[in-house]
Amino acid sequence: MAVRNDNPEPEGSDQAPAETPDAGLGSKAPHFIRRSRPLHLSWQVAIFLVGLAVVALGVVMLPLPGPGWVVIFLGMGIWATEFVWAQLVLRWTKRKVTEAAQRALDPKVRRRNIIITGIGVVIIAGLGGWYLWKYGLTMPWKLR
C-alpha cells in the first residue's frame, strides 16, 4: 500500500511550510479539557453561554449609553477562543477595519470628509441661526 504525500515540498526541505489561511484556528481550551469529549462539550457550552450573555449585553447597550459595539466584539472574542466560525468572523472584521482605516488615511478621502463635515456644520449653523432669528430661544415643543 503506497503512502500518499500531499506535501508539495520535497522531502528534507528546510523551508517552513507556508502559513495556511486556517492556521491557528480551533479550540484554545486547555489540553486536559480537550482530551475528554464530555468535558470539552461542557466547556464549549459554557463558553457559548458566556459569549452569548456578553453579546446580548452589547446589543442592549447599542441604544443605551455604553460601549455597545466594543462589548459585542468582546463577546465575539470570547466565542473565538472556542469556535472557528467566530475566529473567522473576527479575522474578517479586523481585515475590514484595517482596510477602512487605510482608506480613511488617504489624503483625498480625508479632504473629502473634511469638506463634507464643513458643509454639514455650515448647514446646521444656518438652520440654528434661522430658528433663533424666527422664534428666539423658544423650545420647539412650545411653539404655537
C-alpha atoms as a PDB file:
ATOM      1  CA  MET A   1       0.000   0.000   0.000  1.00  0.00           C
ATOM      2  CA  ALA A   2       1.509   3.297  -1.113  1.00  0.00           C
ATOM      3  CA  VAL A   3       1.574   6.286   1.222  1.00  0.00           C
ATOM      4  CA  ARG A   4       0.431   9.450  -0.455  1.00  0.00           C
ATOM      5  CA  ASN A   5       2.301  12.632   0.396  1.00  0.00           C
ATOM      6  CA  ASP A   6       0.185  15.733  -0.280  1.00  0.00           C
ATOM      7  CA  ASN A   7       3.012  17.997   0.763  1.00  0.00           C
ATOM      8  CA  PRO A   8       4.305  19.735  -2.399  1.00  0.00           C
ATOM      9  CA  GLU A   9       7.720  20.321  -0.840  1.00  0.00           C
ATOM     10  CA  PRO A  10      10.404  17.706  -1.396  1.00  0.00           C
ATOM     11  CA  GLU A  11      11.469  15.521   1.496  1.00  0.00           C
ATOM     12  CA  GLY A  12      14.094  17.129   3.714  1.00  0.00           C
ATOM     13  CA  SER A  13      13.224  20.670   2.682  1.00  0.00           C
ATOM     14  CA  ASP A  14      14.461  23.254   5.153  1.00  0.00           C
ATOM     15  CA  GLN A  15      11.725  25.731   4.258  1.00  0.00           C
ATOM     16  CA  ALA A  16       8.965  26.266   6.778  1.00  0.00           C
ATOM     17  CA  PRO A  17       5.572  25.395   5.369  1.00  0.00           C
ATOM     18  CA  ALA A  18       3.604  28.414   4.196  1.00  0.00           C
ATOM     19  CA  GLU A  19       1.017  29.529   6.705  1.00  0.00           C
ATOM     20  CA  THR A  20      -2.393  28.470   5.534  1.00  0.00           C
ATOM     21  CA  PRO A  21      -5.473  30.641   5.979  1.00  0.00           C
ATOM     22  CA  ASP A  22      -6.747  28.169   8.579  1.00  0.00           C
ATOM     23  CA  ALA A  23      -3.578  28.231  10.688  1.00  0.00           C
ATOM     24  CA  GLY A  24      -4.243  28.980  14.335  1.00  0.00           C
ATOM     25  CA  LEU A  25      -7.949  28.151  14.153  1.00  0.00           C
ATOM     26  CA  GLY A  26      -9.603  25.870  16.643  1.00  0.00           C
ATOM     27  CA  SER A  27     -10.162  25.403  20.322  1.00  0.00           C
ATOM     28  CA  LYS A  28      -7.959  27.254  22.785  1.00  0.00           C
ATOM     29  CA  ALA A  29      -9.186  25.094  25.670  1.00  0.00           C
ATOM     30  CA  PRO A  30      -6.529  23.575  27.942  1.00  0.00           C
ATOM     31  CA  HIS A  31      -5.275  20.185  26.833  1.00  0.00           C
ATOM     32  CA  PHE A  32      -6.816  18.293  29.765  1.00  0.00           C
ATOM     33  CA  ILE A  33     -10.247  19.636  28.749  1.00  0.00           C
ATOM     34  CA  ARG A  34      -9.800  18.814  25.057  1.00  0.00           C
ATOM     35  CA  ARG A  35      -8.790  15.230  25.948  1.00  0.00           C
ATOM     36  CA  SER A  36     -12.210  14.392  27.412  1.00  0.00           C
ATOM     37  CA  ARG A  37     -15.112  14.696  24.949  1.00  0.00           C
ATOM     38  CA  PRO A  38     -17.819  15.279  27.635  1.00  0.00           C
ATOM     39  CA  LEU A  39     -15.649  17.828  29.443  1.00  0.00           C
ATOM     40  CA  HIS A  40     -14.833  19.601  26.175  1.00  0.00           C
ATOM     41  CA  LEU A  41     -18.502  19.711  25.196  1.00  0.00           C
ATOM     42  CA  SER A  42     -19.358  21.184  28.617  1.00  0.00           C
ATOM     43  CA  TRP A  43     -16.564  23.709  28.156  1.00  0.00           C
ATOM     44  CA  GLN A  44     -17.936  24.700  24.748  1.00  0.00           C
ATOM     45  CA  VAL A  45     -21.455  25.119  26.134  1.00  0.00           C
ATOM     46  CA  ALA A  46     -20.118  27.314  28.959  1.00  0.00           C
ATOM     47  CA  ILE A  47     -18.059  29.439  26.537  1.00  0.00           C
ATOM     48  CA  PHE A  48     -21.073  29.785  24.243  1.00  0.00           C
ATOM     49  CA  LEU A  49     -23.344  30.896  27.093  1.00  0.00           C
ATOM     50  CA  VAL A  50     -20.832  33.394  28.487  1.00  0.00           C
ATOM     51  CA  GLY A  51     -20.213  34.797  24.997  1.00  0.00           C
ATOM     52  CA  LEU A  52     -23.958  34.956  24.349  1.00  0.00           C
ATOM     53  CA  ALA A  53     -24.523  36.893  27.581  1.00  0.00           C
ATOM     54  CA  VAL A  54     -21.782  39.386  26.672  1.00  0.00           C
ATOM     55  CA  VAL A  55     -23.068  39.812  23.097  1.00  0.00           C
ATOM     56  CA  ALA A  56     -26.635  40.263  24.397  1.00  0.00           C
ATOM     57  CA  LEU A  57     -25.386  42.901  26.841  1.00  0.00           C
ATOM     58  CA  GLY A  58     -23.662  44.667  23.949  1.00  0.00           C
ATOM     59  CA  VAL A  59     -26.846  44.595  21.862  1.00  0.00           C
ATOM     60  CA  VAL A  60     -28.740  46.117  24.803  1.00  0.00           C
ATOM     61  CA  MET A  61     -26.062  48.817  25.046  1.00  0.00           C
ATOM     62  CA  LEU A  62     -26.442  49.842  21.403  1.00  0.00           C
ATOM     63  CA  PRO A  63     -29.438  52.144  22.027  1.00  0.00           C
ATOM     64  CA  LEU A  64     -28.482  52.806  25.652  1.00  0.00           C
ATOM     65  CA  PRO A  65     -25.415  54.651  26.924  1.00  0.00           C
ATOM     66  CA  GLY A  66     -22.432  52.388  26.847  1.00  0.00           C
ATOM     67  CA  PRO A  67     -19.849  50.894  24.511  1.00  0.00           C
ATOM     68  CA  GLY A  68     -22.232  48.541  22.692  1.00  0.00           C
ATOM     69  CA  TRP A  69     -20.038  47.577  19.742  1.00  0.00           C
ATOM     70  CA  VAL A  70     -16.982  47.111  21.942  1.00  0.00           C
ATOM     71  CA  VAL A  71     -18.917  44.731  24.196  1.00  0.00           C
ATOM     72  CA  ILE A  72     -20.302  42.831  21.180  1.00  0.00           C
ATOM     73  CA  PHE A  73     -16.779  42.324  19.824  1.00  0.00           C
ATOM     74  CA  LEU A  74     -15.634  41.288  23.299  1.00  0.00           C
ATOM     75  CA  GLY A  75     -18.321  38.592  23.255  1.00  0.00           C
ATOM     76  CA  MET A  76     -17.177  37.542  19.781  1.00  0.00           C
ATOM     77  CA  GLY A  77     -13.654  37.321  21.177  1.00  0.00           C
ATOM     78  CA  ILE A  78     -14.902  35.041  23.939  1.00  0.00           C
ATOM     79  CA  TRP A  79     -16.581  32.833  21.339  1.00  0.00           C
ATOM     80  CA  ALA A  80     -13.417  32.911  19.216  1.00  0.00           C
ATOM     81  CA  THR A  81     -11.495  31.154  21.981  1.00  0.00           C
ATOM     82  CA  GLU A  82     -13.514  28.037  21.174  1.00  0.00           C
ATOM     83  CA  PHE A  83     -15.350  28.302  17.854  1.00  0.00           C
ATOM     84  CA  VAL A  84     -13.783  28.505  14.397  1.00  0.00           C
ATOM     85  CA  TRP A  85     -16.722  30.416  12.918  1.00  0.00           C
ATOM     86  CA  ALA A  86     -16.205  33.224  15.462  1.00  0.00           C
ATOM     87  CA  GLN A  87     -12.465  33.261  14.718  1.00  0.00           C
ATOM     88  CA  LEU A  88     -13.237  33.662  11.009  1.00  0.00           C
ATOM     89  CA  VAL A  89     -15.754  36.456  11.687  1.00  0.00           C
ATOM     90  CA  LEU A  90     -13.183  38.298  13.815  1.00  0.00           C
ATOM     91  CA  ARG A  91     -10.495  37.882  11.134  1.00  0.00           C
ATOM     92  CA  TRP A  92     -12.863  39.254   8.510  1.00  0.00           C
ATOM     93  CA  THR A  93     -13.831  42.170  10.792  1.00  0.00           C
ATOM     94  CA  LYS A  94     -10.196  43.011  11.571  1.00  0.00           C
ATOM     95  CA  ARG A  95      -9.363  42.949   7.858  1.00  0.00           C
ATOM     96  CA  LYS A  96     -12.291  45.261   7.004  1.00  0.00           C
ATOM     97  CA  VAL A  97     -11.455  47.677   9.837  1.00  0.00           C
ATOM     98  CA  THR A  98      -7.811  47.797   8.712  1.00  0.00           C
ATOM     99  CA  GLU A  99      -8.873  48.453   5.110  1.00  0.00           C
ATOM    100  CA  ALA A 100     -11.266  51.211   6.239  1.00  0.00           C
ATOM    101  CA  ALA A 101      -8.550  52.816   8.362  1.00  0.00           C
ATOM    102  CA  GLN A 102      -6.134  52.782   5.430  1.00  0.00           C
ATOM    103  CA  ARG A 103      -8.775  54.318   3.147  1.00  0.00           C
ATOM    104  CA  ALA A 104      -9.586  56.963   5.767  1.00  0.00           C
ATOM    105  CA  LEU A 105      -5.918  57.969   5.912  1.00  0.00           C
ATOM    106  CA  ASP A 106      -5.838  58.553   2.148  1.00  0.00           C
ATOM    107  CA  PRO A 107      -5.359  62.340   1.661  1.00  0.00           C
ATOM    108  CA  LYS A 108      -8.118  62.562  -0.973  1.00  0.00           C
ATOM    109  CA  VAL A 109     -10.609  60.796   1.287  1.00  0.00           C
ATOM    110  CA  ARG A 110      -9.618  62.933   4.284  1.00  0.00           C
ATOM    111  CA  ARG A 111     -10.034  66.109   2.243  1.00  0.00           C
ATOM    112  CA  ARG A 112     -13.461  64.947   1.041  1.00  0.00           C
ATOM    113  CA  ASN A 113     -14.555  64.049   4.583  1.00  0.00           C
ATOM    114  CA  ILE A 114     -13.407  67.424   5.924  1.00  0.00           C
ATOM    115  CA  ILE A 115     -15.293  69.237   3.155  1.00  0.00           C
ATOM    116  CA  ILE A 116     -18.477  67.225   3.771  1.00  0.00           C
ATOM    117  CA  THR A 117     -18.207  67.827   7.526  1.00  0.00           C
ATOM    118  CA  GLY A 118     -17.669  71.551   6.960  1.00  0.00           C
ATOM    119  CA  ILE A 119     -20.707  71.761   4.694  1.00  0.00           C
ATOM    120  CA  GLY A 120     -22.772  69.905   7.294  1.00  0.00           C
ATOM    121  CA  VAL A 121     -21.646  72.272  10.066  1.00  0.00           C
ATOM    122  CA  VAL A 122     -22.492  75.320   7.911  1.00  0.00           C
ATOM    123  CA  ILE A 123     -25.970  73.931   7.123  1.00  0.00           C
ATOM    124  CA  ILE A 124     -26.700  73.098  10.780  1.00  0.00           C
ATOM    125  CA  ALA A 125     -25.403  76.502  11.932  1.00  0.00           C
ATOM    126  CA  GLY A 126     -27.547  78.199   9.279  1.00  0.00           C
ATOM    127  CA  LEU A 127     -30.662  76.298  10.341  1.00  0.00           C
ATOM    128  CA  GLY A 128     -29.929  77.067  14.003  1.00  0.00           C
ATOM    129  CA  GLY A 129     -29.421  80.753  13.220  1.00  0.00           C
ATOM    130  CA  TRP A 130     -32.632  80.877  11.187  1.00  0.00           C
ATOM    131  CA  TYR A 131     -34.560  79.227  14.057  1.00  0.00           C
ATOM    132  CA  LEU A 132     -33.173  81.692  16.608  1.00  0.00           C
ATOM    133  CA  TRP A 133     -33.955  84.645  14.307  1.00  0.00           C
ATOM    134  CA  LYS A 134     -37.510  83.421  13.661  1.00  0.00           C
ATOM    135  CA  TYR A 135     -38.516  82.077  17.107  1.00  0.00           C
ATOM    136  CA  GLY A 136     -35.881  83.230  19.598  1.00  0.00           C
ATOM    137  CA  LEU A 137     -34.974  80.906  22.444  1.00  0.00           C
ATOM    138  CA  THR A 138     -38.426  79.252  22.478  1.00  0.00           C
ATOM    139  CA  MET A 139     -38.253  75.475  22.554  1.00  0.00           C
ATOM    140  CA  PRO A 140     -39.750  73.722  19.500  1.00  0.00           C
ATOM    141  CA  TRP A 141     -42.365  71.880  21.554  1.00  0.00           C
ATOM    142  CA  LYS A 142     -43.651  75.191  22.946  1.00  0.00           C
ATOM    143  CA  LEU A 143     -44.304  76.750  19.535  1.00  0.00           C
ATOM    144  CA  ARG A 144     -47.899  77.529  18.555  1.00  0.00           C
END
